[in-house]
Amino acid sequence: MVVIHYTAMVSAAAACDALCDPGRQVSAHYVIAEDGSVTALVPEGLRAWHAGAGRWGAVTDVNSHSIGIELANDGESPFAAPLMDTLCDLLGGIMDRWAIRPERVIGHSDMAPGRKIDPGPKFDWRRLALRGLSVWPKAATADMADFAPMMRGFGYTATDDLDLLLDTFRRRFRPWATGPLDAADAGLISDLARRFPVDASTHPA
């Protein structure tokens, strides 16, 4: 898998310093700066401590089964164009090298609902999907009562907190939406769960 994060720091250099500080016990494979420059911190084949507690599908130790990419962003601003260009190029290479499918490119918030919110609602997931680097849902019809099971079917963690699941889903796929769960939410996740059912495997890809 690939997990995408934002740094929430003043600069990419500050993020690299933090990620290289043994006392912080955090790391990532790559950091991409606003100008598009890339710093490789951990070889792709080695474990980096970027994900923390959480899961995606059957993978409960995400750190051991993913490549982490930190994007220089404060969490409130649009992502810089050079950064996004570089991310697309980097992602394409990673996915080719490790045979990672587009649905296995996720955000930190996807695997840790309620604990993490990055890369946040300003991140352009649709751009990645248009290039085959992630996925985007199509409108469909579904029963709203099936929303939580369909979220699990796509890969999200099992929880009875429907509000948390909805908030996590909308942060990535409907950041403009407000109010309670509606038919559009149910339809979109049903499309994702149907086309990209969660892989029961814990393979790194």
N, C-alpha and C. Protein backbone atom coordinates (compact mmCIF):
# COMPACT_ATOMS: atom_id res chain seq x y z
N MET A 1 0.83 -1.19 0.00
CA MET A 1 0.00 0.00 0.00
C MET A 1 0.87 1.25 0.00
N VAL A 2 0.25 2.36 -0.31
CA VAL A 2 0.88 3.67 -0.13
C VAL A 2 -0.05 4.50 0.75
N VAL A 3 0.51 5.16 1.76
CA VAL A 3 -0.27 6.03 2.63
C VAL A 3 0.23 7.45 2.45
N ILE A 4 -0.70 8.36 2.16
CA ILE A 4 -0.36 9.75 1.91
C ILE A 4 -0.69 10.59 3.14
N HIS A 5 0.25 11.45 3.52
CA HIS A 5 0.14 12.29 4.70
C HIS A 5 0.39 13.75 4.33
N TYR A 6 0.04 14.68 5.21
CA TYR A 6 0.62 16.02 5.14
C TYR A 6 1.45 16.26 6.39
N THR A 7 2.42 17.16 6.26
CA THR A 7 3.38 17.35 7.35
C THR A 7 2.84 18.20 8.49
N ALA A 8 1.96 19.16 8.19
CA ALA A 8 1.45 20.10 9.20
C ALA A 8 2.60 20.81 9.92
N MET A 9 3.65 21.14 9.17
CA MET A 9 4.80 21.85 9.73
C MET A 9 5.12 23.06 8.86
N VAL A 10 6.03 23.91 9.35
CA VAL A 10 6.29 25.18 8.67
C VAL A 10 7.01 25.01 7.34
N SER A 11 7.71 23.90 7.17
CA SER A 11 8.43 23.68 5.92
C SER A 11 8.76 22.20 5.78
N ALA A 12 9.13 21.83 4.55
CA ALA A 12 9.56 20.46 4.31
C ALA A 12 10.85 20.15 5.06
N ALA A 13 11.73 21.15 5.16
CA ALA A 13 12.99 20.95 5.89
C ALA A 13 12.72 20.65 7.36
N ALA A 14 11.78 21.37 7.94
CA ALA A 14 11.43 21.11 9.34
C ALA A 14 10.84 19.71 9.50
N ALA A 15 10.05 19.30 8.53
CA ALA A 15 9.48 17.95 8.58
C ALA A 15 10.56 16.89 8.49
N CYS A 16 11.53 17.10 7.61
CA CYS A 16 12.63 16.14 7.49
C CYS A 16 13.42 16.05 8.79
N ASP A 17 13.67 17.19 9.42
CA ASP A 17 14.37 17.19 10.70
C ASP A 17 13.61 16.38 11.73
N ALA A 18 12.30 16.57 11.79
CA ALA A 18 11.48 15.85 12.76
C ALA A 18 11.47 14.35 12.46
N LEU A 19 11.37 14.01 11.19
CA LEU A 19 11.29 12.61 10.80
C LEU A 19 12.63 11.89 10.96
N CYS A 20 13.70 12.64 11.06
CA CYS A 20 15.03 12.05 11.26
C CYS A 20 15.49 12.12 12.72
N ASP A 21 14.64 12.62 13.60
CA ASP A 21 14.96 12.74 15.01
C ASP A 21 14.59 11.43 15.72
N PRO A 22 15.58 10.66 16.19
CA PRO A 22 15.27 9.37 16.83
C PRO A 22 14.33 9.50 18.02
N GLY A 23 14.39 10.65 18.69
CA GLY A 23 13.54 10.83 19.87
C GLY A 23 12.07 10.90 19.55
N ARG A 24 11.72 11.25 18.32
CA ARG A 24 10.32 11.36 17.94
C ARG A 24 9.71 10.02 17.54
N GLN A 25 10.54 9.08 17.16
CA GLN A 25 10.09 7.74 16.77
C GLN A 25 9.04 7.78 15.66
N VAL A 26 9.24 8.66 14.70
CA VAL A 26 8.39 8.71 13.51
C VAL A 26 9.31 8.83 12.29
N SER A 27 8.82 8.38 11.16
CA SER A 27 9.60 8.46 9.93
C SER A 27 8.66 8.33 8.75
N ALA A 28 9.21 8.43 7.57
CA ALA A 28 8.45 8.22 6.33
C ALA A 28 9.45 7.87 5.25
N HIS A 29 8.96 7.30 4.18
CA HIS A 29 9.86 6.95 3.09
C HIS A 29 10.26 8.17 2.26
N TYR A 30 9.30 9.08 2.06
CA TYR A 30 9.57 10.26 1.25
C TYR A 30 8.91 11.50 1.85
N VAL A 31 9.55 12.65 1.60
CA VAL A 31 8.94 13.96 1.87
C VAL A 31 9.00 14.75 0.57
N ILE A 32 7.87 15.32 0.17
CA ILE A 32 7.84 16.16 -1.03
C ILE A 32 7.59 17.60 -0.60
N ALA A 33 8.48 18.50 -1.00
CA ALA A 33 8.38 19.91 -0.65
C ALA A 33 7.42 20.64 -1.58
N GLU A 34 7.07 21.86 -1.19
CA GLU A 34 6.14 22.67 -2.01
C GLU A 34 6.66 22.90 -3.41
N ASP A 35 7.98 22.99 -3.57
CA ASP A 35 8.56 23.23 -4.90
C ASP A 35 8.71 21.96 -5.72
N GLY A 36 8.27 20.83 -5.17
CA GLY A 36 8.33 19.57 -5.89
C GLY A 36 9.58 18.75 -5.65
N SER A 37 10.52 19.26 -4.88
CA SER A 37 11.72 18.48 -4.59
C SER A 37 11.39 17.35 -3.62
N VAL A 38 12.09 16.24 -3.79
CA VAL A 38 11.82 15.03 -3.01
C VAL A 38 13.02 14.69 -2.14
N THR A 39 12.76 14.34 -0.89
CA THR A 39 13.79 13.82 -0.01
C THR A 39 13.41 12.39 0.36
N ALA A 40 14.29 11.45 0.03
CA ALA A 40 14.07 10.05 0.38
C ALA A 40 14.71 9.79 1.74
N LEU A 41 13.93 9.34 2.70
CA LEU A 41 14.42 9.13 4.06
C LEU A 41 14.62 7.67 4.42
N VAL A 42 13.77 6.80 3.89
CA VAL A 42 13.84 5.37 4.22
C VAL A 42 13.71 4.59 2.92
N PRO A 43 14.58 3.60 2.67
CA PRO A 43 14.42 2.78 1.45
C PRO A 43 13.04 2.14 1.41
N GLU A 44 12.50 2.03 0.21
CA GLU A 44 11.13 1.53 0.06
C GLU A 44 10.93 0.14 0.65
N GLY A 45 11.97 -0.68 0.63
CA GLY A 45 11.83 -2.04 1.13
C GLY A 45 11.91 -2.17 2.64
N LEU A 46 12.17 -1.06 3.33
CA LEU A 46 12.28 -1.10 4.78
C LEU A 46 11.06 -0.47 5.44
N ARG A 47 10.82 -0.83 6.69
CA ARG A 47 9.68 -0.33 7.45
C ARG A 47 9.95 1.10 7.90
N ALA A 48 8.99 1.97 7.72
CA ALA A 48 9.06 3.33 8.23
C ALA A 48 7.89 3.55 9.19
N TRP A 49 8.12 4.32 10.24
CA TRP A 49 7.10 4.52 11.27
C TRP A 49 6.25 5.74 10.94
N HIS A 50 5.44 5.61 9.90
CA HIS A 50 4.67 6.76 9.43
C HIS A 50 3.17 6.64 9.71
N ALA A 51 2.68 5.43 9.93
CA ALA A 51 1.24 5.22 9.97
C ALA A 51 0.64 5.19 11.37
N GLY A 52 1.33 4.56 12.31
CA GLY A 52 0.78 4.44 13.65
C GLY A 52 -0.36 3.45 13.71
N ALA A 53 -1.17 3.56 14.75
CA ALA A 53 -2.28 2.62 14.96
C ALA A 53 -3.36 2.82 13.91
N GLY A 54 -3.90 1.73 13.43
CA GLY A 54 -4.96 1.78 12.44
C GLY A 54 -4.95 0.52 11.61
N ARG A 55 -5.81 0.50 10.59
CA ARG A 55 -5.86 -0.67 9.72
C ARG A 55 -6.48 -0.29 8.38
N TRP A 56 -6.23 -1.15 7.40
CA TRP A 56 -6.93 -1.05 6.12
C TRP A 56 -7.23 -2.48 5.68
N GLY A 57 -8.50 -2.82 5.62
CA GLY A 57 -8.86 -4.19 5.31
C GLY A 57 -8.29 -5.14 6.35
N ALA A 58 -7.58 -6.15 5.89
CA ALA A 58 -7.00 -7.14 6.80
C ALA A 58 -5.66 -6.70 7.37
N VAL A 59 -5.13 -5.59 6.89
CA VAL A 59 -3.80 -5.15 7.33
C VAL A 59 -3.94 -4.33 8.61
N THR A 60 -3.44 -4.87 9.71
CA THR A 60 -3.49 -4.16 10.99
C THR A 60 -2.15 -3.53 11.34
N ASP A 61 -1.07 -3.98 10.74
CA ASP A 61 0.24 -3.36 10.93
C ASP A 61 0.58 -2.62 9.64
N VAL A 62 -0.01 -1.45 9.48
CA VAL A 62 0.14 -0.72 8.23
C VAL A 62 1.58 -0.29 8.00
N ASN A 63 2.31 0.03 9.08
CA ASN A 63 3.71 0.43 8.93
C ASN A 63 4.52 -0.62 8.18
N SER A 64 4.24 -1.89 8.43
CA SER A 64 5.02 -2.97 7.82
C SER A 64 4.54 -3.32 6.42
N HIS A 65 3.45 -2.73 5.98
CA HIS A 65 2.87 -3.12 4.71
C HIS A 65 2.60 -1.92 3.80
N SER A 66 3.35 -0.84 3.99
CA SER A 66 3.05 0.35 3.18
C SER A 66 4.27 1.24 3.03
N ILE A 67 4.18 2.10 2.03
CA ILE A 67 5.16 3.16 1.80
C ILE A 67 4.49 4.48 2.15
N GLY A 68 5.15 5.26 2.99
CA GLY A 68 4.58 6.52 3.46
C GLY A 68 5.17 7.72 2.74
N ILE A 69 4.29 8.60 2.26
CA ILE A 69 4.71 9.83 1.58
C ILE A 69 4.16 11.03 2.33
N GLU A 70 5.04 11.87 2.80
CA GLU A 70 4.67 13.10 3.51
C GLU A 70 4.70 14.27 2.53
N LEU A 71 3.61 15.03 2.50
CA LEU A 71 3.51 16.20 1.62
C LEU A 71 3.59 17.47 2.45
N ALA A 72 4.45 18.39 2.04
CA ALA A 72 4.61 19.66 2.76
C ALA A 72 3.35 20.50 2.59
N ASN A 73 2.55 20.57 3.65
CA ASN A 73 1.29 21.29 3.61
C ASN A 73 0.83 21.51 5.03
N ASP A 74 0.18 22.65 5.28
CA ASP A 74 -0.25 22.96 6.65
C ASP A 74 -1.61 22.38 7.00
N GLY A 75 -2.24 21.69 6.06
CA GLY A 75 -3.53 21.09 6.32
C GLY A 75 -4.70 21.99 6.02
N GLU A 76 -4.44 23.26 5.72
CA GLU A 76 -5.52 24.20 5.44
C GLU A 76 -5.41 24.83 4.06
N SER A 77 -4.23 24.76 3.46
CA SER A 77 -3.99 25.40 2.17
C SER A 77 -4.07 24.39 1.03
N PRO A 78 -4.36 24.85 -0.20
CA PRO A 78 -4.29 23.96 -1.36
C PRO A 78 -2.88 23.41 -1.50
N PHE A 79 -2.77 22.24 -2.07
CA PHE A 79 -1.46 21.64 -2.27
C PHE A 79 -0.81 22.26 -3.51
N ALA A 80 0.45 22.63 -3.37
CA ALA A 80 1.17 23.32 -4.43
C ALA A 80 1.22 22.47 -5.70
N ALA A 81 1.11 23.13 -6.85
CA ALA A 81 1.11 22.42 -8.13
C ALA A 81 2.40 21.62 -8.36
N PRO A 82 3.59 22.18 -8.10
CA PRO A 82 4.81 21.38 -8.30
C PRO A 82 4.84 20.15 -7.41
N LEU A 83 4.33 20.29 -6.19
CA LEU A 83 4.26 19.15 -5.28
C LEU A 83 3.37 18.05 -5.86
N MET A 84 2.21 18.43 -6.36
CA MET A 84 1.29 17.44 -6.92
C MET A 84 1.86 16.77 -8.16
N ASP A 85 2.56 17.53 -9.00
CA ASP A 85 3.20 16.96 -10.18
C ASP A 85 4.21 15.89 -9.78
N THR A 86 5.03 16.22 -8.78
CA THR A 86 6.04 15.27 -8.32
C THR A 86 5.40 14.05 -7.68
N LEU A 87 4.34 14.28 -6.90
CA LEU A 87 3.66 13.15 -6.27
C LEU A 87 3.15 12.17 -7.31
N CYS A 88 2.55 12.67 -8.36
CA CYS A 88 2.04 11.78 -9.41
C CYS A 88 3.17 10.96 -10.03
N ASP A 89 4.29 11.59 -10.31
CA ASP A 89 5.43 10.87 -10.88
C ASP A 89 5.97 9.84 -9.91
N LEU A 90 6.12 10.23 -8.64
CA LEU A 90 6.66 9.32 -7.63
C LEU A 90 5.72 8.13 -7.41
N LEU A 91 4.43 8.43 -7.31
CA LEU A 91 3.45 7.36 -7.10
C LEU A 91 3.46 6.35 -8.24
N GLY A 92 3.53 6.86 -9.45
CA GLY A 92 3.54 5.96 -10.60
C GLY A 92 4.69 4.98 -10.53
N GLY A 93 5.87 5.46 -10.17
CA GLY A 93 7.02 4.58 -10.06
C GLY A 93 6.88 3.58 -8.94
N ILE A 94 6.41 4.02 -7.79
CA ILE A 94 6.22 3.12 -6.65
C ILE A 94 5.22 2.02 -6.99
N MET A 95 4.11 2.42 -7.60
CA MET A 95 3.08 1.44 -7.92
C MET A 95 3.57 0.42 -8.94
N ASP A 96 4.39 0.84 -9.88
CA ASP A 96 4.96 -0.09 -10.85
C ASP A 96 5.94 -1.04 -10.17
N ARG A 97 6.80 -0.50 -9.32
CA ARG A 97 7.83 -1.33 -8.68
C ARG A 97 7.24 -2.38 -7.76
N TRP A 98 6.16 -2.04 -7.07
CA TRP A 98 5.60 -2.92 -6.06
C TRP A 98 4.25 -3.52 -6.45
N ALA A 99 3.82 -3.33 -7.69
CA ALA A 99 2.54 -3.87 -8.17
C ALA A 99 1.39 -3.47 -7.25
N ILE A 100 1.33 -2.19 -6.91
CA ILE A 100 0.29 -1.66 -6.03
C ILE A 100 -0.89 -1.20 -6.87
N ARG A 101 -2.06 -1.69 -6.54
CA ARG A 101 -3.27 -1.31 -7.27
C ARG A 101 -3.76 0.07 -6.80
N PRO A 102 -4.48 0.79 -7.65
CA PRO A 102 -4.93 2.15 -7.29
C PRO A 102 -5.74 2.22 -6.00
N GLU A 103 -6.56 1.22 -5.73
CA GLU A 103 -7.37 1.25 -4.51
C GLU A 103 -6.55 1.07 -3.24
N ARG A 104 -5.28 0.70 -3.41
CA ARG A 104 -4.40 0.53 -2.25
C ARG A 104 -3.56 1.78 -1.98
N VAL A 105 -3.88 2.87 -2.65
CA VAL A 105 -3.30 4.18 -2.35
C VAL A 105 -4.33 4.91 -1.50
N ILE A 106 -4.01 5.14 -0.24
CA ILE A 106 -4.99 5.67 0.70
C ILE A 106 -4.41 6.86 1.46
N GLY A 107 -5.28 7.56 2.17
CA GLY A 107 -4.84 8.64 3.04
C GLY A 107 -4.66 8.15 4.46
N HIS A 108 -3.91 8.90 5.24
CA HIS A 108 -3.71 8.56 6.65
C HIS A 108 -5.06 8.48 7.37
N SER A 109 -5.97 9.38 7.03
CA SER A 109 -7.28 9.38 7.66
C SER A 109 -8.09 8.13 7.32
N ASP A 110 -7.84 7.54 6.15
CA ASP A 110 -8.58 6.34 5.75
C ASP A 110 -8.28 5.17 6.68
N MET A 111 -7.01 5.03 7.07
CA MET A 111 -6.63 3.88 7.89
C MET A 111 -6.69 4.18 9.38
N ALA A 112 -6.91 5.42 9.76
CA ALA A 112 -6.98 5.78 11.18
C ALA A 112 -8.11 6.76 11.43
N PRO A 113 -9.36 6.37 11.15
CA PRO A 113 -10.50 7.30 11.33
C PRO A 113 -10.59 7.79 12.77
N GLY A 114 -10.80 9.08 12.92
CA GLY A 114 -10.94 9.66 14.25
C GLY A 114 -9.63 10.03 14.90
N ARG A 115 -8.52 9.45 14.42
CA ARG A 115 -7.20 9.76 14.99
C ARG A 115 -6.42 10.69 14.08
N LYS A 116 -6.58 10.51 12.77
CA LYS A 116 -5.85 11.32 11.81
C LYS A 116 -6.81 11.90 10.77
N ILE A 117 -6.48 13.08 10.24
CA ILE A 117 -7.34 13.72 9.24
C ILE A 117 -6.59 14.01 7.94
N ASP A 118 -5.31 13.71 7.87
CA ASP A 118 -4.54 14.02 6.67
C ASP A 118 -4.70 12.92 5.61
N PRO A 119 -4.57 13.31 4.33
CA PRO A 119 -4.14 14.59 3.78
C PRO A 119 -5.23 15.67 3.72
N GLY A 120 -6.41 15.39 4.21
CA GLY A 120 -7.41 16.43 4.38
C GLY A 120 -8.27 16.72 3.16
N PRO A 121 -9.28 17.57 3.34
CA PRO A 121 -10.25 17.85 2.27
C PRO A 121 -9.69 18.67 1.11
N LYS A 122 -8.54 19.31 1.27
CA LYS A 122 -7.96 20.10 0.17
C LYS A 122 -7.13 19.23 -0.80
N PHE A 123 -6.91 17.98 -0.43
CA PHE A 123 -6.10 17.13 -1.30
C PHE A 123 -6.91 16.66 -2.49
N ASP A 124 -6.30 16.68 -3.68
CA ASP A 124 -7.01 16.39 -4.93
C ASP A 124 -6.92 14.90 -5.28
N TRP A 125 -7.77 14.11 -4.63
CA TRP A 125 -7.81 12.67 -4.92
C TRP A 125 -8.29 12.40 -6.35
N ARG A 126 -9.19 13.22 -6.82
CA ARG A 126 -9.73 12.99 -8.17
C ARG A 126 -8.63 13.10 -9.22
N ARG A 127 -7.71 14.02 -9.04
CA ARG A 127 -6.59 14.15 -9.99
C ARG A 127 -5.80 12.84 -10.04
N LEU A 128 -5.53 12.27 -8.88
CA LEU A 128 -4.80 11.00 -8.86
C LEU A 128 -5.59 9.91 -9.57
N ALA A 129 -6.90 9.87 -9.30
CA ALA A 129 -7.73 8.82 -9.91
C ALA A 129 -7.75 8.94 -11.43
N LEU A 130 -7.79 10.15 -11.94
CA LEU A 130 -7.81 10.35 -13.39
C LEU A 130 -6.53 9.85 -14.06
N ARG A 131 -5.47 9.75 -13.28
CA ARG A 131 -4.21 9.24 -13.81
C ARG A 131 -3.97 7.78 -13.44
N GLY A 132 -4.99 7.13 -12.85
CA GLY A 132 -4.86 5.73 -12.48
C GLY A 132 -4.03 5.50 -11.24
N LEU A 133 -3.87 6.54 -10.43
CA LEU A 133 -3.03 6.45 -9.23
C LEU A 133 -3.84 6.31 -7.95
N SER A 134 -5.13 6.33 -8.06
CA SER A 134 -6.04 6.11 -6.93
C SER A 134 -7.41 5.81 -7.53
N VAL A 135 -8.45 5.84 -6.71
CA VAL A 135 -9.78 5.54 -7.21
C VAL A 135 -10.75 6.66 -6.87
N TRP A 136 -11.82 6.73 -7.65
CA TRP A 136 -12.87 7.73 -7.43
C TRP A 136 -14.21 7.06 -7.68
N PRO A 137 -15.21 7.32 -6.82
CA PRO A 137 -16.49 6.63 -6.96
C PRO A 137 -17.38 7.22 -8.04
N LYS A 138 -18.26 6.36 -8.55
CA LYS A 138 -19.29 6.76 -9.50
C LYS A 138 -20.64 6.75 -8.78
N ALA A 139 -21.54 7.59 -9.25
CA ALA A 139 -22.87 7.63 -8.66
C ALA A 139 -23.56 6.28 -8.84
N ALA A 140 -24.26 5.85 -7.79
CA ALA A 140 -24.97 4.57 -7.83
C ALA A 140 -26.13 4.65 -6.85
N THR A 141 -26.97 3.64 -6.87
CA THR A 141 -28.10 3.56 -5.96
C THR A 141 -27.85 2.48 -4.92
N ALA A 142 -28.10 2.81 -3.66
CA ALA A 142 -27.89 1.85 -2.59
C ALA A 142 -28.75 2.20 -1.39
N ASP A 143 -28.94 1.24 -0.52
CA ASP A 143 -29.69 1.43 0.71
C ASP A 143 -28.78 2.10 1.74
N MET A 144 -29.23 3.20 2.33
CA MET A 144 -28.40 3.89 3.31
C MET A 144 -28.08 3.01 4.52
N ALA A 145 -28.92 2.04 4.81
CA ALA A 145 -28.68 1.13 5.93
C ALA A 145 -27.44 0.28 5.71
N ASP A 146 -27.00 0.18 4.47
CA ASP A 146 -25.83 -0.64 4.14
C ASP A 146 -24.54 0.17 4.12
N PHE A 147 -24.60 1.44 4.51
CA PHE A 147 -23.42 2.30 4.42
C PHE A 147 -22.23 1.72 5.18
N ALA A 148 -22.42 1.39 6.46
CA ALA A 148 -21.30 0.87 7.27
C ALA A 148 -20.75 -0.44 6.72
N PRO A 149 -21.59 -1.43 6.38
CA PRO A 149 -21.03 -2.66 5.79
C PRO A 149 -20.28 -2.41 4.49
N MET A 150 -20.76 -1.48 3.69
CA MET A 150 -20.06 -1.18 2.43
C MET A 150 -18.74 -0.47 2.69
N MET A 151 -18.69 0.35 3.73
CA MET A 151 -17.40 0.97 4.10
C MET A 151 -16.39 -0.12 4.46
N ARG A 152 -16.83 -1.09 5.23
CA ARG A 152 -15.93 -2.20 5.58
C ARG A 152 -15.57 -3.00 4.33
N GLY A 153 -16.53 -3.13 3.42
CA GLY A 153 -16.26 -3.87 2.19
C GLY A 153 -15.21 -3.24 1.32
N PHE A 154 -15.08 -1.93 1.42
CA PHE A 154 -14.05 -1.22 0.65
C PHE A 154 -12.70 -1.24 1.36
N GLY A 155 -12.71 -1.33 2.70
CA GLY A 155 -11.44 -1.40 3.42
C GLY A 155 -11.39 -0.65 4.72
N TYR A 156 -12.39 0.22 4.99
CA TYR A 156 -12.37 1.01 6.21
C TYR A 156 -12.55 0.14 7.45
N THR A 157 -12.06 0.63 8.55
CA THR A 157 -12.09 -0.12 9.80
C THR A 157 -13.52 -0.38 10.26
N ALA A 158 -13.71 -1.50 10.93
CA ALA A 158 -15.02 -1.85 11.46
C ALA A 158 -15.30 -1.02 12.72
N THR A 159 -16.39 -0.28 12.71
CA THR A 159 -16.79 0.51 13.87
C THR A 159 -18.30 0.74 13.80
N ASP A 160 -18.90 0.89 14.95
CA ASP A 160 -20.33 1.18 15.00
C ASP A 160 -20.61 2.68 14.98
N ASP A 161 -19.57 3.50 14.93
CA ASP A 161 -19.72 4.95 14.95
C ASP A 161 -19.99 5.44 13.53
N LEU A 162 -21.27 5.51 13.18
CA LEU A 162 -21.65 5.90 11.82
C LEU A 162 -21.20 7.31 11.49
N ASP A 163 -21.28 8.22 12.46
CA ASP A 163 -20.86 9.60 12.22
C ASP A 163 -19.37 9.67 11.88
N LEU A 164 -18.57 8.87 12.57
CA LEU A 164 -17.14 8.84 12.29
C LEU A 164 -16.87 8.30 10.88
N LEU A 165 -17.56 7.24 10.52
CA LEU A 165 -17.39 6.68 9.18
C LEU A 165 -17.79 7.69 8.11
N LEU A 166 -18.90 8.37 8.33
CA LEU A 166 -19.37 9.35 7.35
C LEU A 166 -18.38 10.50 7.22
N ASP A 167 -17.88 11.00 8.35
CA ASP A 167 -16.91 12.08 8.32
C ASP A 167 -15.65 11.67 7.58
N THR A 168 -15.19 10.45 7.81
CA THR A 168 -13.99 9.95 7.15
C THR A 168 -14.21 9.81 5.65
N PHE A 169 -15.36 9.26 5.28
CA PHE A 169 -15.67 9.08 3.86
C PHE A 169 -15.77 10.42 3.14
N ARG A 170 -16.49 11.35 3.74
CA ARG A 170 -16.67 12.64 3.07
C ARG A 170 -15.38 13.44 3.00
N ARG A 171 -14.52 13.31 3.98
CA ARG A 171 -13.26 14.05 3.93
C ARG A 171 -12.50 13.74 2.66
N ARG A 172 -12.60 12.52 2.19
CA ARG A 172 -11.89 12.13 0.97
C ARG A 172 -12.73 12.27 -0.29
N PHE A 173 -13.98 11.83 -0.23
CA PHE A 173 -14.76 11.72 -1.45
C PHE A 173 -15.86 12.77 -1.64
N ARG A 174 -16.31 13.44 -0.55
CA ARG A 174 -17.35 14.48 -0.67
C ARG A 174 -17.07 15.60 0.33
N PRO A 175 -15.93 16.28 0.22
CA PRO A 175 -15.56 17.28 1.23
C PRO A 175 -16.50 18.48 1.27
N TRP A 176 -17.30 18.65 0.23
CA TRP A 176 -18.25 19.77 0.18
C TRP A 176 -19.57 19.43 0.87
N ALA A 177 -19.82 18.16 1.17
CA ALA A 177 -21.12 17.73 1.68
C ALA A 177 -21.27 18.05 3.16
N THR A 178 -22.50 18.32 3.57
CA THR A 178 -22.82 18.58 4.97
C THR A 178 -24.09 17.81 5.34
N GLY A 179 -24.37 17.77 6.64
CA GLY A 179 -25.59 17.15 7.09
C GLY A 179 -25.46 15.65 7.29
N PRO A 180 -26.57 14.99 7.57
CA PRO A 180 -26.54 13.56 7.86
C PRO A 180 -26.28 12.72 6.62
N LEU A 181 -26.04 11.46 6.83
CA LEU A 181 -25.87 10.50 5.75
C LEU A 181 -27.01 10.63 4.74
N ASP A 182 -26.67 10.62 3.46
CA ASP A 182 -27.72 10.69 2.45
C ASP A 182 -27.50 9.63 1.38
N ALA A 183 -28.43 9.61 0.42
CA ALA A 183 -28.39 8.58 -0.61
C ALA A 183 -27.13 8.66 -1.48
N ALA A 184 -26.62 9.87 -1.67
CA ALA A 184 -25.41 10.02 -2.48
C ALA A 184 -24.22 9.34 -1.81
N ASP A 185 -24.08 9.50 -0.48
CA ASP A 185 -23.00 8.83 0.25
C ASP A 185 -23.10 7.31 0.07
N ALA A 186 -24.30 6.79 0.29
CA ALA A 186 -24.50 5.34 0.20
C ALA A 186 -24.20 4.84 -1.21
N GLY A 187 -24.65 5.59 -2.21
CA GLY A 187 -24.41 5.17 -3.58
C GLY A 187 -22.94 5.16 -3.95
N LEU A 188 -22.22 6.17 -3.52
CA LEU A 188 -20.80 6.26 -3.87
C LEU A 188 -19.99 5.15 -3.22
N ILE A 189 -20.22 4.88 -1.93
CA ILE A 189 -19.45 3.83 -1.28
C ILE A 189 -19.85 2.46 -1.80
N SER A 190 -21.12 2.30 -2.21
CA SER A 190 -21.52 1.01 -2.78
C SER A 190 -20.77 0.75 -4.08
N ASP A 191 -20.55 1.80 -4.86
CA ASP A 191 -19.80 1.65 -6.11
C ASP A 191 -18.36 1.24 -5.82
N LEU A 192 -17.73 1.89 -4.84
CA LEU A 192 -16.36 1.55 -4.49
C LEU A 192 -16.25 0.12 -3.97
N ALA A 193 -17.18 -0.27 -3.08
CA ALA A 193 -17.13 -1.61 -2.51
C ALA A 193 -17.37 -2.68 -3.56
N ARG A 194 -18.18 -2.36 -4.57
CA ARG A 194 -18.45 -3.32 -5.63
C ARG A 194 -17.26 -3.45 -6.58
N ARG A 195 -16.67 -2.33 -6.96
CA ARG A 195 -15.57 -2.38 -7.93
C ARG A 195 -14.22 -2.71 -7.31
N PHE A 196 -14.06 -2.36 -6.03
CA PHE A 196 -12.77 -2.54 -5.38
C PHE A 196 -12.96 -3.22 -4.01
N PRO A 197 -13.47 -4.44 -3.98
CA PRO A 197 -13.67 -5.11 -2.70
C PRO A 197 -12.35 -5.29 -1.96
N VAL A 198 -12.40 -5.14 -0.65
CA VAL A 198 -11.18 -5.19 0.14
C VAL A 198 -10.47 -6.52 -0.05
N ASP A 199 -9.18 -6.44 -0.14
CA ASP A 199 -8.34 -7.63 -0.30
C ASP A 199 -8.08 -8.22 1.07
N ALA A 200 -8.39 -9.48 1.26
CA ALA A 200 -8.16 -10.12 2.55
C ALA A 200 -6.69 -10.38 2.81
N SER A 201 -5.85 -10.17 1.81
CA SER A 201 -4.43 -10.41 1.96
C SER A 201 -3.75 -9.33 2.77
N THR A 202 -2.66 -9.70 3.46
CA THR A 202 -1.83 -8.71 4.16
C THR A 202 -0.53 -8.47 3.39
N HIS A 203 -0.51 -8.81 2.13
CA HIS A 203 0.66 -8.54 1.28
C HIS A 203 0.95 -7.05 1.25
N PRO A 204 2.25 -6.67 1.22
CA PRO A 204 2.59 -5.24 1.24
C PRO A 204 1.90 -4.41 0.17
N ALA A 205 1.61 -4.99 -0.99
CA ALA A 205 0.97 -4.23 -2.06
C ALA A 205 -0.52 -4.10 -1.83
